[in-house]
Amino acid sequence: MARAATTTDAFNAVAEPRRRQILDLLSGGELPVNDLVALLGLAQPLVSKHLRVLREVGLVDVRDEGRQRMYRLNPAPLKPIHDWVKKYERSWSERFERMDVVLAELKDMENGDGDDE
């Protein structure tokens, strides 16, 4: 029985760490595949495989420039991921604020500024 595709959308595509690395590199601008290979330290066929997945979900665009294939980030398919993660931003902010309070209290105790005097 054939295995179901796991890269049918941006969520699944970015679940793979190497693909996130590729997106990070392309966020700085367009790059030829050979530069991606060198920067990632991976074999060219493996980089091409990841690029194919990213192309299929629309996260990267490719164009031919002479003998080179130039890849660039297409951030639009990342919006659903951003929207989903944004739901948790308030929770994270609240937790970081509570942690700041605890750290300030610990620092005060360390400096002898506690209320136990």
PDB file of N, CA and C in Angstrom:
ATOM      1  N   MET A   1       0.837  -1.177   0.000  1.00  0.00           N
ATOM      2  CA  MET A   1       0.000   0.000   0.000  1.00  0.00           C
ATOM      3  C   MET A   1       0.881   1.238   0.000  1.00  0.00           C
ATOM      4  N   ALA A   2       0.604   2.182  -0.869  1.00  0.00           N
ATOM      5  CA  ALA A   2       1.417   3.386  -0.986  1.00  0.00           C
ATOM      6  C   ALA A   2       1.228   4.270   0.234  1.00  0.00           C
ATOM      7  N   ARG A   3       2.326   4.902   0.619  1.00  0.00           N
ATOM      8  CA  ARG A   3       2.293   5.808   1.751  1.00  0.00           C
ATOM      9  C   ARG A   3       1.692   7.139   1.321  1.00  0.00           C
ATOM     10  N   ALA A   4       0.874   7.739   2.158  1.00  0.00           N
ATOM     11  CA  ALA A   4       0.243   9.024   1.846  1.00  0.00           C
ATOM     12  C   ALA A   4       1.297  10.127   1.854  1.00  0.00           C
ATOM     13  N   ALA A   5       1.122  11.086   0.980  1.00  0.00           N
ATOM     14  CA  ALA A   5       2.045  12.218   0.925  1.00  0.00           C
ATOM     15  C   ALA A   5       1.979  12.994   2.233  1.00  0.00           C
ATOM     16  N   THR A   6       3.144  13.377   2.711  1.00  0.00           N
ATOM     17  CA  THR A   6       3.197  14.134   3.966  1.00  0.00           C
ATOM     18  C   THR A   6       3.532  15.595   3.714  1.00  0.00           C
ATOM     19  N   THR A   7       3.588  15.990   2.472  1.00  0.00           N
ATOM     20  CA  THR A   7       3.994  17.361   2.160  1.00  0.00           C
ATOM     21  C   THR A   7       2.983  18.042   1.254  1.00  0.00           C
ATOM     22  N   THR A   8       1.727  17.887   1.581  1.00  0.00           N
ATOM     23  CA  THR A   8       0.693  18.447   0.721  1.00  0.00           C
ATOM     24  C   THR A   8       0.374  19.902   1.032  1.00  0.00           C
ATOM     25  N   ASP A   9       0.899  20.421   2.132  1.00  0.00           N
ATOM     26  CA  ASP A   9       0.668  21.825   2.467  1.00  0.00           C
ATOM     27  C   ASP A   9       1.896  22.396   3.165  1.00  0.00           C
ATOM     28  N   ALA A  10       1.867  23.692   3.399  1.00  0.00           N
ATOM     29  CA  ALA A  10       3.020  24.374   3.993  1.00  0.00           C
ATOM     30  C   ALA A  10       3.341  23.836   5.387  1.00  0.00           C
ATOM     31  N   PHE A  11       2.312  23.509   6.172  1.00  0.00           N
ATOM     32  CA  PHE A  11       2.552  22.988   7.523  1.00  0.00           C
ATOM     33  C   PHE A  11       3.428  21.737   7.473  1.00  0.00           C
ATOM     34  N   ASN A  12       3.059  20.805   6.611  1.00  0.00           N
ATOM     35  CA  ASN A  12       3.822  19.567   6.496  1.00  0.00           C
ATOM     36  C   ASN A  12       5.197  19.814   5.886  1.00  0.00           C
ATOM     37  N   ALA A  13       5.256  20.692   4.912  1.00  0.00           N
ATOM     38  CA  ALA A  13       6.539  20.954   4.255  1.00  0.00           C
ATOM     39  C   ALA A  13       7.554  21.535   5.231  1.00  0.00           C
ATOM     40  N   VAL A  14       7.136  22.458   6.088  1.00  0.00           N
ATOM     41  CA  VAL A  14       8.099  23.088   7.010  1.00  0.00           C
ATOM     42  C   VAL A  14       8.342  22.250   8.258  1.00  0.00           C
ATOM     43  N   ALA A  15       7.657  21.133   8.380  1.00  0.00           N
ATOM     44  CA  ALA A  15       7.913  20.250   9.515  1.00  0.00           C
ATOM     45  C   ALA A  15       9.305  19.630   9.426  1.00  0.00           C
ATOM     46  N   GLU A  16       9.871  19.586   8.239  1.00  0.00           N
ATOM     47  CA  GLU A  16      11.200  18.998   8.035  1.00  0.00           C
ATOM     48  C   GLU A  16      12.269  20.083   8.261  1.00  0.00           C
ATOM     49  N   PRO A  17      13.202  19.862   9.195  1.00  0.00           N
ATOM     50  CA  PRO A  17      14.186  20.893   9.546  1.00  0.00           C
ATOM     51  C   PRO A  17      15.033  21.403   8.373  1.00  0.00           C
ATOM     52  N   ARG A  18      15.418  20.534   7.468  1.00  0.00           N
ATOM     53  CA  ARG A  18      16.238  20.983   6.329  1.00  0.00           C
ATOM     54  C   ARG A  18      15.463  21.942   5.431  1.00  0.00           C
ATOM     55  N   ARG A  19      14.174  21.715   5.308  1.00  0.00           N
ATOM     56  CA  ARG A  19      13.366  22.620   4.486  1.00  0.00           C
ATOM     57  C   ARG A  19      13.262  23.984   5.154  1.00  0.00           C
ATOM     58  N   ARG A  20      13.182  23.995   6.475  1.00  0.00           N
ATOM     59  CA  ARG A  20      13.177  25.281   7.180  1.00  0.00           C
ATOM     60  C   ARG A  20      14.504  25.999   6.978  1.00  0.00           C
ATOM     61  N   GLN A  21      15.594  25.248   6.965  1.00  0.00           N
ATOM     62  CA  GLN A  21      16.905  25.864   6.708  1.00  0.00           C
ATOM     63  C   GLN A  21      16.925  26.493   5.320  1.00  0.00           C
ATOM     64  N   ILE A  22      16.398  25.803   4.356  1.00  0.00           N
ATOM     65  CA  ILE A  22      16.353  26.335   2.989  1.00  0.00           C
ATOM     66  C   ILE A  22      15.541  27.620   2.959  1.00  0.00           C
ATOM     67  N   LEU A  23      14.388  27.620   3.612  1.00  0.00           N
ATOM     68  CA  LEU A  23      13.567  28.830   3.657  1.00  0.00           C
ATOM     69  C   LEU A  23      14.302  29.970   4.346  1.00  0.00           C
ATOM     70  N   ASP A  24      15.025  29.655   5.422  1.00  0.00           N
ATOM     71  CA  ASP A  24      15.813  30.686   6.108  1.00  0.00           C
ATOM     72  C   ASP A  24      16.848  31.291   5.171  1.00  0.00           C
ATOM     73  N   LEU A  25      17.535  30.438   4.415  1.00  0.00           N
ATOM     74  CA  LEU A  25      18.543  30.939   3.483  1.00  0.00           C
ATOM     75  C   LEU A  25      17.907  31.791   2.388  1.00  0.00           C
ATOM     76  N   LEU A  26      16.770  31.357   1.881  1.00  0.00           N
ATOM     77  CA  LEU A  26      16.111  32.096   0.808  1.00  0.00           C
ATOM     78  C   LEU A  26      15.444  33.374   1.306  1.00  0.00           C
ATOM     79  N   SER A  27      15.240  33.492   2.611  1.00  0.00           N
ATOM     80  CA  SER A  27      14.653  34.724   3.143  1.00  0.00           C
ATOM     81  C   SER A  27      15.601  35.909   2.939  1.00  0.00           C
ATOM     82  N   GLY A  28      16.876  35.609   2.730  1.00  0.00           N
ATOM     83  CA  GLY A  28      17.862  36.656   2.464  1.00  0.00           C
ATOM     84  C   GLY A  28      17.935  37.054   1.006  1.00  0.00           C
ATOM     85  N   GLY A  29      17.230  36.356   0.158  1.00  0.00           N
ATOM     86  CA  GLY A  29      17.218  36.676  -1.266  1.00  0.00           C
ATOM     87  C   GLY A  29      17.391  35.436  -2.123  1.00  0.00           C
ATOM     88  N   GLU A  30      17.268  35.652  -3.389  1.00  0.00           N
ATOM     89  CA  GLU A  30      17.343  34.580  -4.385  1.00  0.00           C
ATOM     90  C   GLU A  30      18.726  33.929  -4.393  1.00  0.00           C
ATOM     91  N   LEU A  31      18.745  32.601  -4.534  1.00  0.00           N
ATOM     92  CA  LEU A  31      20.008  31.852  -4.567  1.00  0.00           C
ATOM     93  C   LEU A  31      19.934  30.750  -5.610  1.00  0.00           C
ATOM     94  N   PRO A  32      21.088  30.470  -6.261  1.00  0.00           N
ATOM     95  CA  PRO A  32      21.132  29.306  -7.146  1.00  0.00           C
ATOM     96  C   PRO A  32      21.245  28.029  -6.323  1.00  0.00           C
ATOM     97  N   VAL A  33      20.804  26.943  -6.898  1.00  0.00           N
ATOM     98  CA  VAL A  33      20.803  25.669  -6.191  1.00  0.00           C
ATOM     99  C   VAL A  33      22.208  25.297  -5.711  1.00  0.00           C
ATOM    100  N   ASN A  34      23.233  25.603  -6.492  1.00  0.00           N
ATOM    101  CA  ASN A  34      24.598  25.254  -6.073  1.00  0.00           C
ATOM    102  C   ASN A  34      25.007  25.994  -4.802  1.00  0.00           C
ATOM    103  N   ASP A  35      24.561  27.221  -4.632  1.00  0.00           N
ATOM    104  CA  ASP A  35      24.850  27.951  -3.391  1.00  0.00           C
ATOM    105  C   ASP A  35      24.125  27.314  -2.214  1.00  0.00           C
ATOM    106  N   LEU A  36      22.894  26.904  -2.433  1.00  0.00           N
ATOM    107  CA  LEU A  36      22.153  26.222  -1.368  1.00  0.00           C
ATOM    108  C   LEU A  36      22.853  24.935  -0.959  1.00  0.00           C
ATOM    109  N   VAL A  37      23.323  24.185  -1.930  1.00  0.00           N
ATOM    110  CA  VAL A  37      24.055  22.939  -1.658  1.00  0.00           C
ATOM    111  C   VAL A  37      25.278  23.241  -0.784  1.00  0.00           C
ATOM    112  N   ALA A  38      26.043  24.256  -1.166  1.00  0.00           N
ATOM    113  CA  ALA A  38      27.252  24.606  -0.419  1.00  0.00           C
ATOM    114  C   ALA A  38      26.926  25.097   0.992  1.00  0.00           C
ATOM    115  N   LEU A  39      25.925  25.937   1.111  1.00  0.00           N
ATOM    116  CA  LEU A  39      25.572  26.489   2.418  1.00  0.00           C
ATOM    117  C   LEU A  39      25.004  25.439   3.363  1.00  0.00           C
ATOM    118  N   LEU A  40      24.277  24.487   2.820  1.00  0.00           N
ATOM    119  CA  LEU A  40      23.677  23.440   3.646  1.00  0.00           C
ATOM    120  C   LEU A  40      24.621  22.283   3.913  1.00  0.00           C
ATOM    121  N   GLY A  41      25.617  22.116   3.055  1.00  0.00           N
ATOM    122  CA  GLY A  41      26.534  20.995   3.217  1.00  0.00           C
ATOM    123  C   GLY A  41      25.884  19.659   2.929  1.00  0.00           C
ATOM    124  N   LEU A  42      24.911  19.661   2.038  1.00  0.00           N
ATOM    125  CA  LEU A  42      24.201  18.434   1.674  1.00  0.00           C
ATOM    126  C   LEU A  42      24.478  18.091   0.216  1.00  0.00           C
ATOM    127  N   ALA A  43      24.204  16.874  -0.139  1.00  0.00           N
ATOM    128  CA  ALA A  43      24.339  16.451  -1.531  1.00  0.00           C
ATOM    129  C   ALA A  43      23.292  17.159  -2.385  1.00  0.00           C
ATOM    130  N   GLN A  44      23.654  17.468  -3.615  1.00  0.00           N
ATOM    131  CA  GLN A  44      22.758  18.186  -4.519  1.00  0.00           C
ATOM    132  C   GLN A  44      21.430  17.468  -4.728  1.00  0.00           C
ATOM    133  N   PRO A  45      21.405  16.147  -4.899  1.00  0.00           N
ATOM    134  CA  PRO A  45      20.108  15.479  -5.080  1.00  0.00           C
ATOM    135  C   PRO A  45      19.171  15.652  -3.877  1.00  0.00           C
ATOM    136  N   LEU A  46      19.733  15.665  -2.678  1.00  0.00           N
ATOM    137  CA  LEU A  46      18.908  15.843  -1.484  1.00  0.00           C
ATOM    138  C   LEU A  46      18.336  17.262  -1.417  1.00  0.00           C
ATOM    139  N   VAL A  47      19.163  18.256  -1.730  1.00  0.00           N
ATOM    140  CA  VAL A  47      18.693  19.640  -1.747  1.00  0.00           C
ATOM    141  C   VAL A  47      17.606  19.792  -2.806  1.00  0.00           C
ATOM    142  N   SER A  48      17.821  19.201  -3.970  1.00  0.00           N
ATOM    143  CA  SER A  48      16.819  19.279  -5.040  1.00  0.00           C
ATOM    144  C   SER A  48      15.501  18.633  -4.624  1.00  0.00           C
ATOM    145  N   LYS A  49      15.587  17.545  -3.883  1.00  0.00           N
ATOM    146  CA  LYS A  49      14.374  16.872  -3.400  1.00  0.00           C
ATOM    147  C   LYS A  49      13.585  17.802  -2.475  1.00  0.00           C
ATOM    148  N   HIS A  50      14.287  18.450  -1.546  1.00  0.00           N
ATOM    149  CA  HIS A  50      13.622  19.377  -0.633  1.00  0.00           C
ATOM    150  C   HIS A  50      13.050  20.576  -1.388  1.00  0.00           C
ATOM    151  N   LEU A  51      13.800  21.071  -2.354  1.00  0.00           N
ATOM    152  CA  LEU A  51      13.315  22.200  -3.152  1.00  0.00           C
ATOM    153  C   LEU A  51      12.061  21.817  -3.937  1.00  0.00           C
ATOM    154  N   ARG A  52      12.015  20.601  -4.423  1.00  0.00           N
ATOM    155  CA  ARG A  52      10.836  20.143  -5.154  1.00  0.00           C
ATOM    156  C   ARG A  52       9.601  20.170  -4.261  1.00  0.00           C
ATOM    157  N   VAL A  53       9.750  19.692  -3.029  1.00  0.00           N
ATOM    158  CA  VAL A  53       8.635  19.702  -2.083  1.00  0.00           C
ATOM    159  C   VAL A  53       8.204  21.139  -1.808  1.00  0.00           C
ATOM    160  N   LEU A  54       9.174  22.018  -1.579  1.00  0.00           N
ATOM    161  CA  LEU A  54       8.851  23.415  -1.298  1.00  0.00           C
ATOM    162  C   LEU A  54       8.172  24.085  -2.494  1.00  0.00           C
ATOM    163  N   ARG A  55       8.592  23.718  -3.694  1.00  0.00           N
ATOM    164  CA  ARG A  55       7.944  24.241  -4.909  1.00  0.00           C
ATOM    165  C   ARG A  55       6.515  23.741  -5.029  1.00  0.00           C
ATOM    166  N   GLU A  56       6.306  22.462  -4.744  1.00  0.00           N
ATOM    167  CA  GLU A  56       4.978  21.864  -4.881  1.00  0.00           C
ATOM    168  C   GLU A  56       3.938  22.511  -3.973  1.00  0.00           C
ATOM    169  N   VAL A  57       4.361  22.988  -2.810  1.00  0.00           N
ATOM    170  CA  VAL A  57       3.416  23.655  -1.906  1.00  0.00           C
ATOM    171  C   VAL A  57       3.437  25.172  -2.088  1.00  0.00           C
ATOM    172  N   GLY A  58       4.250  25.648  -3.028  1.00  0.00           N
ATOM    173  CA  GLY A  58       4.271  27.065  -3.359  1.00  0.00           C
ATOM    174  C   GLY A  58       5.159  27.938  -2.494  1.00  0.00           C
ATOM    175  N   LEU A  59       5.997  27.338  -1.638  1.00  0.00           N
ATOM    176  CA  LEU A  59       6.853  28.132  -0.759  1.00  0.00           C
ATOM    177  C   LEU A  59       8.080  28.709  -1.451  1.00  0.00           C
ATOM    178  N   VAL A  60       8.485  28.114  -2.560  1.00  0.00           N
ATOM    179  CA  VAL A  60       9.587  28.679  -3.336  1.00  0.00           C
ATOM    180  C   VAL A  60       9.192  28.731  -4.803  1.00  0.00           C
ATOM    181  N   ASP A  61       9.753  29.707  -5.473  1.00  0.00           N
ATOM    182  CA  ASP A  61       9.611  29.846  -6.914  1.00  0.00           C
ATOM    183  C   ASP A  61      10.977  29.616  -7.526  1.00  0.00           C
ATOM    184  N   VAL A  62      11.000  29.169  -8.759  1.00  0.00           N
ATOM    185  CA  VAL A  62      12.261  28.900  -9.445  1.00  0.00           C
ATOM    186  C   VAL A  62      12.213  29.538 -10.824  1.00  0.00           C
ATOM    187  N   ARG A  63      13.375  29.987 -11.250  1.00  0.00           N
ATOM    188  CA  ARG A  63      13.501  30.506 -12.615  1.00  0.00           C
ATOM    189  C   ARG A  63      14.859  30.090 -13.152  1.00  0.00           C
ATOM    190  N   ASP A  64      14.915  29.897 -14.443  1.00  0.00           N
ATOM    191  CA  ASP A  64      16.177  29.548 -15.090  1.00  0.00           C
ATOM    192  C   ASP A  64      16.902  30.816 -15.465  1.00  0.00           C
ATOM    193  N   GLU A  65      18.185  30.835 -15.163  1.00  0.00           N
ATOM    194  CA  GLU A  65      19.056  31.935 -15.557  1.00  0.00           C
ATOM    195  C   GLU A  65      20.299  31.298 -16.178  1.00  0.00           C
ATOM    196  N   GLY A  66      20.278  31.193 -17.494  1.00  0.00           N
ATOM    197  CA  GLY A  66      21.348  30.467 -18.164  1.00  0.00           C
ATOM    198  C   GLY A  66      21.302  29.012 -17.765  1.00  0.00           C
ATOM    199  N   ARG A  67      22.415  28.519 -17.231  1.00  0.00           N
ATOM    200  CA  ARG A  67      22.477  27.118 -16.800  1.00  0.00           C
ATOM    201  C   ARG A  67      22.085  26.938 -15.333  1.00  0.00           C
ATOM    202  N   GLN A  68      21.835  28.043 -14.659  1.00  0.00           N
ATOM    203  CA  GLN A  68      21.503  27.956 -13.234  1.00  0.00           C
ATOM    204  C   GLN A  68      19.998  28.021 -13.012  1.00  0.00           C
ATOM    205  N   ARG A  69      19.586  27.359 -11.957  1.00  0.00           N
ATOM    206  CA  ARG A  69      18.196  27.467 -11.490  1.00  0.00           C
ATOM    207  C   ARG A  69      18.234  28.338 -10.247  1.00  0.00           C
ATOM    208  N   MET A  70      17.524  29.440 -10.297  1.00  0.00           N
ATOM    209  CA  MET A  70      17.509  30.397  -9.195  1.00  0.00           C
ATOM    210  C   MET A  70      16.234  30.202  -8.387  1.00  0.00           C
ATOM    211  N   TYR A  71      16.391  30.099  -7.061  1.00  0.00           N
ATOM    212  CA  TYR A  71      15.258  29.873  -6.173  1.00  0.00           C
ATOM    213  C   TYR A  71      15.038  31.101  -5.311  1.00  0.00           C
ATOM    214  N   ARG A  72      13.767  31.400  -5.078  1.00  0.00           N
ATOM    215  CA  ARG A  72      13.420  32.516  -4.198  1.00  0.00           C
ATOM    216  C   ARG A  72      12.219  32.123  -3.345  1.00  0.00           C
ATOM    217  N   LEU A  73      12.169  32.718  -2.188  1.00  0.00           N
ATOM    218  CA  LEU A  73      11.092  32.462  -1.242  1.00  0.00           C
ATOM    219  C   LEU A  73       9.792  33.095  -1.727  1.00  0.00           C
ATOM    220  N   ASN A  74       8.714  32.365  -1.577  1.00  0.00           N
ATOM    221  CA  ASN A  74       7.372  32.895  -1.783  1.00  0.00           C
ATOM    222  C   ASN A  74       6.683  32.789  -0.421  1.00  0.00           C
ATOM    223  N   PRO A  75       6.654  33.862   0.354  1.00  0.00           N
ATOM    224  CA  PRO A  75       6.173  33.771   1.733  1.00  0.00           C
ATOM    225  C   PRO A  75       4.661  33.634   1.891  1.00  0.00           C
ATOM    226  N   ALA A  76       3.883  33.864   0.863  1.00  0.00           N
ATOM    227  CA  ALA A  76       2.415  33.835   0.995  1.00  0.00           C
ATOM    228  C   ALA A  76       1.883  32.542   1.621  1.00  0.00           C
ATOM    229  N   PRO A  77       2.368  31.349   1.231  1.00  0.00           N
ATOM    230  CA  PRO A  77       1.838  30.121   1.847  1.00  0.00           C
ATOM    231  C   PRO A  77       2.188  29.971   3.334  1.00  0.00           C
ATOM    232  N   LEU A  78       3.081  30.831   3.858  1.00  0.00           N
ATOM    233  CA  LEU A  78       3.410  30.779   5.278  1.00  0.00           C
ATOM    234  C   LEU A  78       2.354  31.486   6.139  1.00  0.00           C
ATOM    235  N   LYS A  79       1.497  32.275   5.504  1.00  0.00           N
ATOM    236  CA  LYS A  79       0.505  33.045   6.272  1.00  0.00           C
ATOM    237  C   LYS A  79      -0.390  32.171   7.135  1.00  0.00           C
ATOM    238  N   PRO A  80      -0.908  31.047   6.644  1.00  0.00           N
ATOM    239  CA  PRO A  80      -1.720  30.204   7.540  1.00  0.00           C
ATOM    240  C   PRO A  80      -0.937  29.718   8.765  1.00  0.00           C
ATOM    241  N   ILE A  81       0.345  29.454   8.597  1.00  0.00           N
ATOM    242  CA  ILE A  81       1.175  29.041   9.735  1.00  0.00           C
ATOM    243  C   ILE A  81       1.298  30.204  10.710  1.00  0.00           C
ATOM    244  N   HIS A  82       1.568  31.386  10.185  1.00  0.00           N
ATOM    245  CA  HIS A  82       1.679  32.584  11.019  1.00  0.00           C
ATOM    246  C   HIS A  82       0.380  32.824  11.787  1.00  0.00           C
ATOM    247  N   ASP A  83      -0.741  32.734  11.083  1.00  0.00           N
ATOM    248  CA  ASP A  83      -2.037  32.967  11.717  1.00  0.00           C
ATOM    249  C   ASP A  83      -2.302  31.960  12.829  1.00  0.00           C
ATOM    250  N   TRP A  84      -1.928  30.714  12.611  1.00  0.00           N
ATOM    251  CA  TRP A  84      -2.141  29.676  13.607  1.00  0.00           C
ATOM    252  C   TRP A  84      -1.262  29.911  14.836  1.00  0.00           C
ATOM    253  N   VAL A  85       0.018  30.209  14.611  1.00  0.00           N
ATOM    254  CA  VAL A  85       0.953  30.424  15.719  1.00  0.00           C
ATOM    255  C   VAL A  85       0.585  31.685  16.500  1.00  0.00           C
ATOM    256  N   LYS A  86       0.072  32.671  15.807  1.00  0.00           N
ATOM    257  CA  LYS A  86      -0.292  33.941  16.448  1.00  0.00           C
ATOM    258  C   LYS A  86      -1.313  33.733  17.565  1.00  0.00           C
ATOM    259  N   LYS A  87      -2.154  32.710  17.441  1.00  0.00           N
ATOM    260  CA  LYS A  87      -3.133  32.414  18.486  1.00  0.00           C
ATOM    261  C   LYS A  87      -2.464  32.158  19.837  1.00  0.00           C
ATOM    262  N   TYR A  88      -1.239  31.683  19.809  1.00  0.00           N
ATOM    263  CA  TYR A  88      -0.529  31.320  21.035  1.00  0.00           C
ATOM    264  C   TYR A  88       0.352  32.449  21.558  1.00  0.00           C
ATOM    265  N   GLU A  89       0.446  33.524  20.819  1.00  0.00           N
ATOM    266  CA  GLU A  89       1.323  34.633  21.200  1.00  0.00           C
ATOM    267  C   GLU A  89       0.930  35.220  22.563  1.00  0.00           C
ATOM    268  N   ARG A  90      -0.351  35.393  22.812  1.00  0.00           N
ATOM    269  CA  ARG A  90      -0.797  35.966  24.077  1.00  0.00           C
ATOM    270  C   ARG A  90      -0.371  35.089  25.249  1.00  0.00           C
ATOM    271  N   SER A  91      -0.551  33.783  25.091  1.00  0.00           N
ATOM    272  CA  SER A  91      -0.153  32.848  26.141  1.00  0.00           C
ATOM    273  C   SER A  91       1.345  32.934  26.410  1.00  0.00           C
ATOM    274  N   TRP A  92       2.129  32.976  25.329  1.00  0.00           N
ATOM    275  CA  TRP A  92       3.584  33.074  25.499  1.00  0.00           C
ATOM    276  C   TRP A  92       3.950  34.378  26.195  1.00  0.00           C
ATOM    277  N   SER A  93       3.329  35.475  25.792  1.00  0.00           N
ATOM    278  CA  SER A  93       3.629  36.779  26.382  1.00  0.00           C
ATOM    279  C   SER A  93       3.322  36.780  27.872  1.00  0.00           C
ATOM    280  N   GLU A  94       2.181  36.209  28.240  1.00  0.00           N
ATOM    281  CA  GLU A  94       1.813  36.145  29.649  1.00  0.00           C
ATOM    282  C   GLU A  94       2.822  35.327  30.444  1.00  0.00           C
ATOM    283  N   ARG A  95       3.259  34.221  29.878  1.00  0.00           N
ATOM    284  CA  ARG A  95       4.239  33.381  30.579  1.00  0.00           C
ATOM    285  C   ARG A  95       5.578  34.089  30.719  1.00  0.00           C
ATOM    286  N   PHE A  96       6.002  34.792  29.679  1.00  0.00           N
ATOM    287  CA  PHE A  96       7.265  35.528  29.760  1.00  0.00           C
ATOM    288  C   PHE A  96       7.165  36.664  30.776  1.00  0.00           C
ATOM    289  N   GLU A  97       6.014  37.318  30.855  1.00  0.00           N
ATOM    290  CA  GLU A  97       5.826  38.384  31.844  1.00  0.00           C
ATOM    291  C   GLU A  97       5.909  37.817  33.259  1.00  0.00           C
ATOM    292  N   ARG A  98       5.276  36.654  33.481  1.00  0.00           N
ATOM    293  CA  ARG A  98       5.358  36.015  34.801  1.00  0.00           C
ATOM    294  C   ARG A  98       6.795  35.622  35.118  1.00  0.00           C
ATOM    295  N   MET A  99       7.510  35.129  34.120  1.00  0.00           N
ATOM    296  CA  MET A  99       8.900  34.748  34.335  1.00  0.00           C
ATOM    297  C   MET A  99       9.740  35.979  34.677  1.00  0.00           C
ATOM    298  N   ASP A 100       9.469  37.112  34.038  1.00  0.00           N
ATOM    299  CA  ASP A 100      10.188  38.348  34.347  1.00  0.00           C
ATOM    300  C   ASP A 100       9.985  38.747  35.801  1.00  0.00           C
ATOM    301  N   VAL A 101       8.750  38.577  36.303  1.00  0.00           N
ATOM    302  CA  VAL A 101       8.459  38.905  37.697  1.00  0.00           C
ATOM    303  C   VAL A 101       9.253  37.992  38.630  1.00  0.00           C
ATOM    304  N   VAL A 102       9.250  36.700  38.350  1.00  0.00           N
ATOM    305  CA  VAL A 102       9.985  35.746  39.184  1.00  0.00           C
ATOM    306  C   VAL A 102      11.482  36.053  39.150  1.00  0.00           C
ATOM    307  N   LEU A 103      12.005  36.334  37.995  1.00  0.00           N
ATOM    308  CA  LEU A 103      13.440  36.642  37.891  1.00  0.00           C
ATOM    309  C   LEU A 103      13.788  37.922  38.646  1.00  0.00           C
ATOM    310  N   ALA A 104      12.928  38.908  38.572  1.00  0.00           N
ATOM    311  CA  ALA A 104      13.161  40.153  39.318  1.00  0.00           C
ATOM    312  C   ALA A 104      13.145  39.885  40.822  1.00  0.00           C
ATOM    313  N   GLU A 105      12.192  39.039  41.279  1.00  0.00           N
ATOM    314  CA  GLU A 105      12.137  38.687  42.698  1.00  0.00           C
ATOM    315  C   GLU A 105      13.393  37.945  43.128  1.00  0.00           C
ATOM    316  N   LEU A 106      13.860  37.018  42.311  1.00  0.00           N
ATOM    317  CA  LEU A 106      15.088  36.276  42.631  1.00  0.00           C
ATOM    318  C   LEU A 106      16.288  37.204  42.682  1.00  0.00           C
ATOM    319  N   LYS A 107      16.337  38.144  41.769  1.00  0.00           N
ATOM    320  CA  LYS A 107      17.449  39.105  41.747  1.00  0.00           C
ATOM    321  C   LYS A 107      17.415  39.974  43.004  1.00  0.00           C
ATOM    322  N   ASP A 108      16.218  40.407  43.398  1.00  0.00           N
ATOM    323  CA  ASP A 108      16.092  41.196  44.629  1.00  0.00           C
ATOM    324  C   ASP A 108      16.547  40.406  45.839  1.00  0.00           C
ATOM    325  N   MET A 109      16.170  39.128  45.906  1.00  0.00           N
ATOM    326  CA  MET A 109      16.585  38.267  47.020  1.00  0.00           C
ATOM    327  C   MET A 109      18.093  38.108  47.029  1.00  0.00           C
ATOM    328  N   GLU A 110      18.677  37.953  45.863  1.00  0.00           N
ATOM    329  CA  GLU A 110      20.122  37.776  45.746  1.00  0.00           C
ATOM    330  C   GLU A 110      20.865  39.037  46.195  1.00  0.00           C
ATOM    331  N   ASN A 111      20.269  40.180  45.928  1.00  0.00           N
ATOM    332  CA  ASN A 111      20.895  41.457  46.300  1.00  0.00           C
ATOM    333  C   ASN A 111      20.549  41.877  47.725  1.00  0.00           C
ATOM    334  N   GLY A 112      19.795  41.056  48.439  1.00  0.00           N
ATOM    335  CA  GLY A 112      19.425  41.381  49.813  1.00  0.00           C
ATOM    336  C   GLY A 112      18.301  42.373  49.909  1.00  0.00           C
ATOM    337  N   ASP A 113      17.555  42.540  48.859  1.00  0.00           N
ATOM    338  CA  ASP A 113      16.452  43.501  48.847  1.00  0.00           C
ATOM    339  C   ASP A 113      15.124  42.838  49.132  1.00  0.00           C
ATOM    340  N   GLY A 114      15.147  41.639  49.673  1.00  0.00           N
ATOM    341  CA  GLY A 114      13.907  40.908  49.914  1.00  0.00           C
ATOM    342  C   GLY A 114      13.084  41.516  51.017  1.00  0.00           C
ATOM    343  N   ASP A 115      11.860  41.070  51.170  1.00  0.00           N
ATOM    344  CA  ASP A 115      10.942  41.602  52.186  1.00  0.00           C
ATOM    345  C   ASP A 115      11.144  40.955  53.537  1.00  0.00           C
ATOM    346  N   ASP A 116      12.101  40.031  53.672  1.00  0.00           N
ATOM    347  CA  ASP A 116      12.240  39.284  54.916  1.00  0.00           C
ATOM    348  C   ASP A 116      13.159  39.988  55.914  1.00  0.00           C
ATOM    349  N   GLU A 117      13.455  41.235  55.707  1.00  0.00           N
ATOM    350  CA  GLU A 117      14.332  41.946  56.652  1.00  0.00           C
ATOM    351  C   GLU A 117      13.563  42.594  57.750  1.00  0.00           C
TER     352      GLU A 117
END
